[in-house]
N, C-alpha and C. Protein backbone atom coordinates (compact mmCIF):
# COMPACT_ATOMS: atom_id res chain seq x y z
N UNK A 1 -7.81 2.62 -8.69
CA UNK A 1 -7.53 3.93 -9.23
C UNK A 1 -6.77 4.04 -10.17
N UNK A 2 -5.58 3.89 -9.61
CA UNK A 2 -4.02 3.75 -9.91
C UNK A 2 -3.61 2.78 -10.81
N UNK A 3 -4.22 1.64 -11.03
CA UNK A 3 -4.04 0.26 -11.64
C UNK A 3 -3.10 0.37 -12.61
N UNK A 4 -1.93 -0.26 -12.89
CA UNK A 4 -1.44 -0.12 -14.09
C UNK A 4 -0.78 1.23 -14.74
N UNK A 5 -0.59 1.88 -13.73
CA UNK A 5 -0.44 3.35 -14.29
C UNK A 5 1.32 3.27 -14.23
N UNK A 6 1.67 3.94 -15.31
CA UNK A 6 3.27 3.89 -15.37
C UNK A 6 3.79 5.23 -15.70
N UNK A 7 4.81 5.83 -14.82
CA UNK A 7 5.50 6.85 -14.54
C UNK A 7 7.07 6.50 -14.48
N UNK A 8 7.84 6.75 -15.58
CA UNK A 8 9.48 6.72 -15.37
C UNK A 8 10.12 6.98 -14.17
N UNK A 9 9.46 8.14 -14.15
CA UNK A 9 10.45 8.81 -13.12
C UNK A 9 9.56 9.82 -12.52
N UNK A 10 9.12 9.98 -11.01
CA UNK A 10 8.55 10.98 -10.96
C UNK A 10 7.41 10.28 -9.62
N UNK A 11 6.31 11.24 -9.30
CA UNK A 11 5.46 10.67 -8.06
C UNK A 11 4.01 10.76 -8.59
N UNK A 12 3.65 10.31 -7.73
CA UNK A 12 1.97 10.78 -7.72
C UNK A 12 1.55 11.09 -6.78
N UNK A 13 0.71 12.55 -6.81
CA UNK A 13 0.73 13.64 -5.27
C UNK A 13 -1.03 13.16 -5.33
N UNK A 14 -1.12 12.54 -3.82
CA UNK A 14 -2.31 12.39 -3.36
C UNK A 14 -2.14 12.90 -2.32
N UNK A 15 -1.61 14.04 -2.32
CA UNK A 15 -1.27 14.78 -0.88
C UNK A 15 -2.64 15.64 -0.32
N UNK A 16 -3.84 15.78 -1.56
CA UNK A 16 -5.12 16.43 -1.82
C UNK A 16 -5.80 15.49 -1.27
N UNK A 17 -5.88 14.13 -1.37
CA UNK A 17 -6.89 13.31 -1.68
C UNK A 17 -7.58 13.01 -0.31
N UNK A 18 -9.13 13.28 -0.25
CA UNK A 18 -9.84 13.20 0.68
C UNK A 18 -10.46 11.63 1.12
N UNK A 19 -9.59 11.00 2.26
CA UNK A 19 -10.33 9.74 1.92
C UNK A 19 -11.24 9.37 3.41
N UNK A 20 -11.53 10.34 3.96
CA UNK A 20 -12.10 10.06 5.06
C UNK A 20 -13.33 9.28 5.09
N UNK A 21 -13.74 9.56 3.96
CA UNK A 21 -14.90 8.39 3.90
C UNK A 21 -15.06 7.07 3.19
N UNK A 22 -13.57 6.48 2.85
CA UNK A 22 -13.24 5.22 2.10
C UNK A 22 -13.51 4.32 2.88
N UNK A 23 -13.79 3.40 2.65
CA UNK A 23 -14.28 2.18 3.16
C UNK A 23 -13.03 1.02 2.33
N UNK A 24 -12.80 1.08 1.24
CA UNK A 24 -12.30 0.16 0.53
C UNK A 24 -11.06 0.68 -0.30
N UNK A 25 -9.82 -0.05 -0.57
CA UNK A 25 -8.34 0.82 -1.11
C UNK A 25 -8.28 -0.60 -1.87
N UNK A 26 -9.22 -1.65 -2.50
CA UNK A 26 -8.40 -2.86 -2.64
C UNK A 26 -8.41 -2.39 -3.86
N UNK A 27 -6.93 -3.33 -4.29
CA UNK A 27 -5.82 -3.05 -5.64
C UNK A 27 -5.83 -1.19 -6.22
N UNK A 28 -6.11 -0.09 -4.85
CA UNK A 28 -5.62 1.43 -5.52
C UNK A 28 -4.55 1.32 -6.41
N UNK A 29 -3.58 0.44 -5.95
CA UNK A 29 -1.89 1.16 -6.35
C UNK A 29 -1.30 0.00 -6.95
N UNK A 30 -2.36 -1.55 -7.74
CA UNK A 30 -2.21 -2.78 -7.91
C UNK A 30 -1.14 -2.26 -9.53
N UNK A 31 -0.31 -3.00 -9.44
CA UNK A 31 0.58 -2.91 -10.93
C UNK A 31 1.12 -1.50 -11.36
N UNK A 32 1.28 -0.33 -10.36
CA UNK A 32 1.37 0.96 -10.67
C UNK A 32 3.11 0.65 -10.70
N UNK A 33 3.54 1.01 -11.94
CA UNK A 33 4.94 1.39 -12.05
C UNK A 33 5.82 2.24 -12.00
N UNK A 34 5.69 3.30 -11.16
CA UNK A 34 6.48 4.17 -10.38
C UNK A 34 7.42 3.76 -9.99
N UNK A 35 8.75 4.29 -10.75
CA UNK A 35 10.15 4.75 -10.14
C UNK A 35 10.12 5.10 -9.14
N UNK A 36 10.03 4.99 -7.97
CA UNK A 36 10.14 6.15 -7.08
C UNK A 36 9.39 5.69 -5.82
N UNK A 37 9.15 6.83 -4.72
CA UNK A 37 8.77 6.53 -3.97
C UNK A 37 7.04 6.98 -3.53
N UNK A 38 6.63 6.34 -2.66
CA UNK A 38 4.99 6.77 -2.58
C UNK A 38 4.40 7.26 -1.65
N UNK A 39 4.37 8.98 -1.29
CA UNK A 39 4.20 9.42 0.00
C UNK A 39 2.28 9.04 0.08
N UNK A 40 1.90 8.62 1.60
CA UNK A 40 0.49 8.68 1.66
C UNK A 40 0.37 8.81 3.19
N UNK A 41 1.04 9.57 4.01
CA UNK A 41 0.78 9.96 5.45
C UNK A 41 -0.26 11.16 4.82
N UNK A 42 -0.90 11.27 4.24
CA UNK A 42 -1.86 12.23 4.60
C UNK A 42 -3.64 12.13 4.45
N UNK A 43 -3.39 10.37 4.51
CA UNK A 43 -4.56 9.14 3.91
C UNK A 43 -5.26 9.22 5.05
N UNK A 44 -6.17 9.91 5.73
CA UNK A 44 -7.20 9.23 6.55
C UNK A 44 -7.70 7.70 6.51
N UNK A 45 -7.40 6.47 7.32
CA UNK A 45 -7.85 5.26 6.57
C UNK A 45 -8.79 4.35 7.51
N UNK A 46 -9.02 5.40 8.66
CA UNK A 46 -10.09 5.20 9.56
C UNK A 46 -11.19 4.11 9.54
N UNK A 47 -11.98 4.69 8.32
CA UNK A 47 -12.87 3.51 7.94
C UNK A 47 -12.67 2.43 7.03
N UNK A 48 -11.06 2.42 6.54
CA UNK A 48 -11.30 1.16 5.35
C UNK A 48 -11.06 0.09 6.32
N UNK A 49 -12.05 -0.67 5.34
CA UNK A 49 -11.92 -2.10 6.01
C UNK A 49 -11.54 -3.32 4.71
N UNK A 50 -11.08 -2.45 3.62
CA UNK A 50 -10.53 -3.57 2.80
C UNK A 50 -9.03 -2.83 2.07
N UNK A 51 -7.70 -3.62 2.37
CA UNK A 51 -6.85 -3.11 1.71
C UNK A 51 -6.24 -4.28 0.86
N UNK A 52 -6.95 -5.22 0.59
CA UNK A 52 -6.41 -6.36 -0.36
C UNK A 52 -5.54 -6.26 -1.33
N UNK A 53 -4.56 -6.13 -1.88
CA UNK A 53 -4.18 -5.89 -3.01
C UNK A 53 -3.32 -4.99 -3.31
N UNK A 54 -3.40 -4.10 -2.42
CA UNK A 54 -3.64 -2.28 -2.22
C UNK A 54 -2.15 -2.17 -2.98
N UNK A 55 -0.83 -2.81 -3.29
CA UNK A 55 0.22 -2.34 -3.22
C UNK A 55 0.67 -3.39 -4.97
N UNK A 56 0.24 -4.58 -4.76
CA UNK A 56 0.62 -5.37 -5.08
C UNK A 56 0.83 -5.50 -6.57
N UNK A 57 2.02 -5.93 -7.07
CA UNK A 57 2.47 -6.37 -8.74
C UNK A 57 3.34 -4.50 -8.66
N UNK A 58 3.42 -4.18 -7.95
CA UNK A 58 4.08 -2.85 -8.11
C UNK A 58 5.71 -3.15 -7.80
N UNK A 59 6.15 -3.56 -9.15
CA UNK A 59 7.26 -3.71 -8.74
C UNK A 59 8.45 -3.02 -9.26
N UNK A 60 8.66 -1.40 -9.47
CA UNK A 60 8.98 -0.44 -9.09
C UNK A 60 9.55 0.32 -7.95
N UNK A 61 8.23 0.26 -7.26
CA UNK A 61 8.14 1.16 -6.36
C UNK A 61 9.26 0.94 -5.31
N UNK A 62 9.66 1.59 -4.68
CA UNK A 62 11.28 1.63 -4.30
C UNK A 62 10.66 1.49 -2.62
N UNK A 63 9.51 2.53 -2.61
CA UNK A 63 9.19 2.87 -0.74
C UNK A 63 8.16 3.36 -1.06
N UNK A 64 7.22 3.00 0.41
CA UNK A 64 5.91 3.62 0.47
C UNK A 64 5.59 3.51 1.75
N UNK A 65 4.70 5.14 2.30
CA UNK A 65 5.35 5.39 3.16
C UNK A 65 3.42 4.96 3.78
N UNK A 66 3.08 4.56 4.89
CA UNK A 66 2.26 3.81 5.36
C UNK A 66 2.08 4.56 6.84
N UNK A 67 2.95 5.00 7.39
CA UNK A 67 3.72 4.98 8.70
C UNK A 67 2.26 5.65 9.61
N UNK A 68 1.27 6.87 8.87
CA UNK A 68 -0.19 7.15 9.39
C UNK A 68 -0.97 6.35 9.34
N UNK A 69 -1.17 5.17 8.57
CA UNK A 69 -2.42 4.70 8.64
C UNK A 69 -2.90 3.71 9.76
N UNK A 70 -4.16 4.44 10.10
CA UNK A 70 -5.00 3.44 11.02
C UNK A 70 -5.57 2.55 10.72
N UNK A 71 -5.65 1.29 10.62
CA UNK A 71 -5.86 -0.11 10.25
C UNK A 71 -6.56 -0.67 11.19
N UNK A 72 -7.28 -0.20 12.20
CA UNK A 72 -8.16 -0.44 13.20
C UNK A 72 -9.27 -1.44 12.66
N UNK A 73 -9.68 -0.93 11.58
CA UNK A 73 -11.14 -1.41 11.20
C UNK A 73 -10.78 -2.51 10.23
N UNK A 74 -9.55 -2.27 9.35
CA UNK A 74 -9.08 -3.64 7.89
C UNK A 74 -9.69 -4.80 8.73
N UNK A 75 -9.93 -5.25 7.28
CA UNK A 75 -10.56 -6.82 7.78
C UNK A 75 -9.50 -7.69 6.91
N UNK A 76 -9.23 -7.11 5.85
CA UNK A 76 -8.75 -7.89 4.53
C UNK A 76 -7.30 -6.73 3.84
N UNK A 77 -6.55 -7.82 4.22
CA UNK A 77 -5.40 -7.00 4.10
C UNK A 77 -3.95 -8.46 3.06
N UNK A 78 -5.16 -8.87 2.62
CA UNK A 78 -4.39 -10.11 1.60
C UNK A 78 -3.73 -9.23 0.51
N UNK A 79 -2.70 -10.14 0.00
CA UNK A 79 -1.46 -9.73 -0.78
C UNK A 79 -1.80 -8.18 -1.38
N UNK A 80 -1.50 -7.62 0.33
CA UNK A 80 -1.21 -6.08 0.01
C UNK A 80 -0.10 -5.77 -0.26
N UNK A 81 1.20 -6.29 -0.24
CA UNK A 81 2.60 -6.13 -0.67
C UNK A 81 2.87 -7.15 -1.44
N UNK A 82 2.13 -7.91 -1.60
CA UNK A 82 2.10 -9.35 -2.94
C UNK A 82 2.80 -8.85 -3.75
N UNK A 83 4.01 -9.01 -3.97
CA UNK A 83 4.95 -8.57 -5.42
C UNK A 83 5.62 -7.59 -5.66
N UNK A 84 5.87 -6.75 -4.71
CA UNK A 84 6.38 -5.53 -4.47
C UNK A 84 7.77 -5.46 -4.05
N UNK A 85 8.63 -6.16 -5.27
CA UNK A 85 9.66 -6.72 -5.05
C UNK A 85 10.89 -5.71 -5.39
N UNK A 86 10.60 -4.39 -5.50
CA UNK A 86 11.42 -3.26 -5.02
C UNK A 86 11.79 -2.55 -4.27
N UNK A 87 10.74 -2.63 -2.97
CA UNK A 87 10.43 -2.21 -2.28
C UNK A 87 11.76 -2.09 -1.38
N UNK A 88 12.23 -1.20 -0.88
CA UNK A 88 13.49 -1.09 0.24
C UNK A 88 13.10 -1.16 1.19
N UNK A 89 12.11 -0.30 1.87
CA UNK A 89 11.59 0.18 2.66
C UNK A 89 9.80 0.05 3.25
N UNK A 90 9.50 -0.75 3.73
CA UNK A 90 7.99 -0.62 4.40
C UNK A 90 7.68 -0.76 5.96
N UNK A 91 7.58 0.40 6.41
CA UNK A 91 7.08 0.70 7.92
C UNK A 91 5.82 0.34 8.73
N UNK A 92 5.14 -1.19 8.70
CA UNK A 92 4.03 -1.12 9.27
C UNK A 92 4.16 -1.31 10.72
N UNK A 93 5.19 -0.67 11.90
CA UNK A 93 4.87 -0.83 12.97
C UNK A 93 3.99 -0.74 13.74
N UNK A 94 2.73 0.56 12.91
CA UNK A 94 1.77 1.02 13.86
C UNK A 94 0.59 0.04 13.20
N UNK A 95 0.61 -0.80 12.55
CA UNK A 95 -0.68 -1.36 11.89
C UNK A 95 -1.12 -2.14 12.70
N UNK A 96 -2.40 -1.04 12.69
CA UNK A 96 -3.32 -2.77 14.21
C UNK A 96 -3.81 -3.65 13.44
N UNK A 97 -3.45 -4.74 13.62
CA UNK A 97 -4.23 -5.75 12.78
C UNK A 97 -5.03 -6.74 13.65
N UNK A 98 -5.69 -6.30 14.97
CA UNK A 98 -6.36 -6.96 15.73
C UNK A 98 -7.49 -7.61 14.69
N UNK A 99 -8.19 -6.70 13.84
CA UNK A 99 -9.49 -7.45 13.44
C UNK A 99 -9.07 -7.75 11.92
N UNK A 100 -8.22 -8.16 11.09
CA UNK A 100 -7.35 -8.88 10.41
C UNK A 100 -7.98 -10.41 10.31
N UNK A 101 -8.85 -10.26 8.89
CA UNK A 101 -9.08 -12.23 9.09
C UNK A 101 -7.97 -12.66 7.79
N UNK A 102 -8.02 -11.95 6.86
CA UNK A 102 -7.52 -12.00 5.55
C UNK A 102 -5.96 -11.78 5.34
N UNK A 103 -5.42 -12.67 5.36
CA UNK A 103 -3.72 -12.61 5.27
C UNK A 103 -3.01 -12.99 3.83
N UNK A 104 -3.64 -13.57 3.43
CA UNK A 104 -2.85 -14.50 2.30
C UNK A 104 -2.32 -14.00 1.27
N UNK A 105 -1.10 -14.22 1.51
CA UNK A 105 0.24 -13.55 0.09
C UNK A 105 0.34 -12.34 0.93
N UNK A 106 0.12 -12.09 1.98
CA UNK A 106 0.45 -10.15 2.25
C UNK A 106 1.96 -10.09 1.93
N UNK A 107 2.80 -10.89 2.24
CA UNK A 107 4.39 -10.42 1.17
C UNK A 107 5.23 -11.15 0.48
N UNK A 108 3.82 -11.70 -0.19
CA UNK A 108 4.40 -13.24 -1.16
C UNK A 108 5.46 -12.49 -2.06
N UNK A 109 6.60 -12.99 -2.29
CA UNK A 109 7.25 -12.36 -3.19
C UNK A 109 8.27 -11.10 -2.89
N UNK A 110 8.17 -10.67 -1.96
CA UNK A 110 8.25 -9.48 -1.47
C UNK A 110 10.10 -9.53 -0.61
N UNK A 111 11.06 -8.90 -1.61
CA UNK A 111 12.16 -8.81 -1.35
C UNK A 111 12.71 -8.01 -0.82
N UNK A 112 13.74 -7.72 0.21
CA UNK A 112 14.45 -6.53 1.02
C UNK A 112 15.69 -6.65 0.58
N UNK A 113 16.33 -5.32 0.12
CA UNK A 113 17.79 -5.48 -0.04
C UNK A 113 18.54 -4.58 1.41
N UNK A 114 19.36 -5.69 1.34
CA UNK A 114 20.36 -5.49 2.45
C UNK A 114 22.01 -4.48 2.23
N UNK A 115 22.61 -3.84 2.59
CA UNK A 115 23.96 -3.24 2.38
C UNK A 115 24.56 -3.90 3.39
């Protein structure tokens, strides 16, 4: 959907997106070159089964808020944060990964910088 989008400074406003019937978010933000943060707290992910490569190659994205994601139905998270080298904060503490079968490259080439 936003694959390869380039924004120098700003945000993508997805606060009004209705994702209640979405079953895949495969590569949704792959290669998105947004310099800044992405807030996805309004996303309803309760029916999503595929989040593979959702944020992969988003090299300038500094943080993404996925704290409200319901991942209980997800079976594929392969490469979800692959090559997200600019991300400083990703909170996945609420992720339910009990049904996930695909983790390949989940966080390959992911670097965090600590002060």
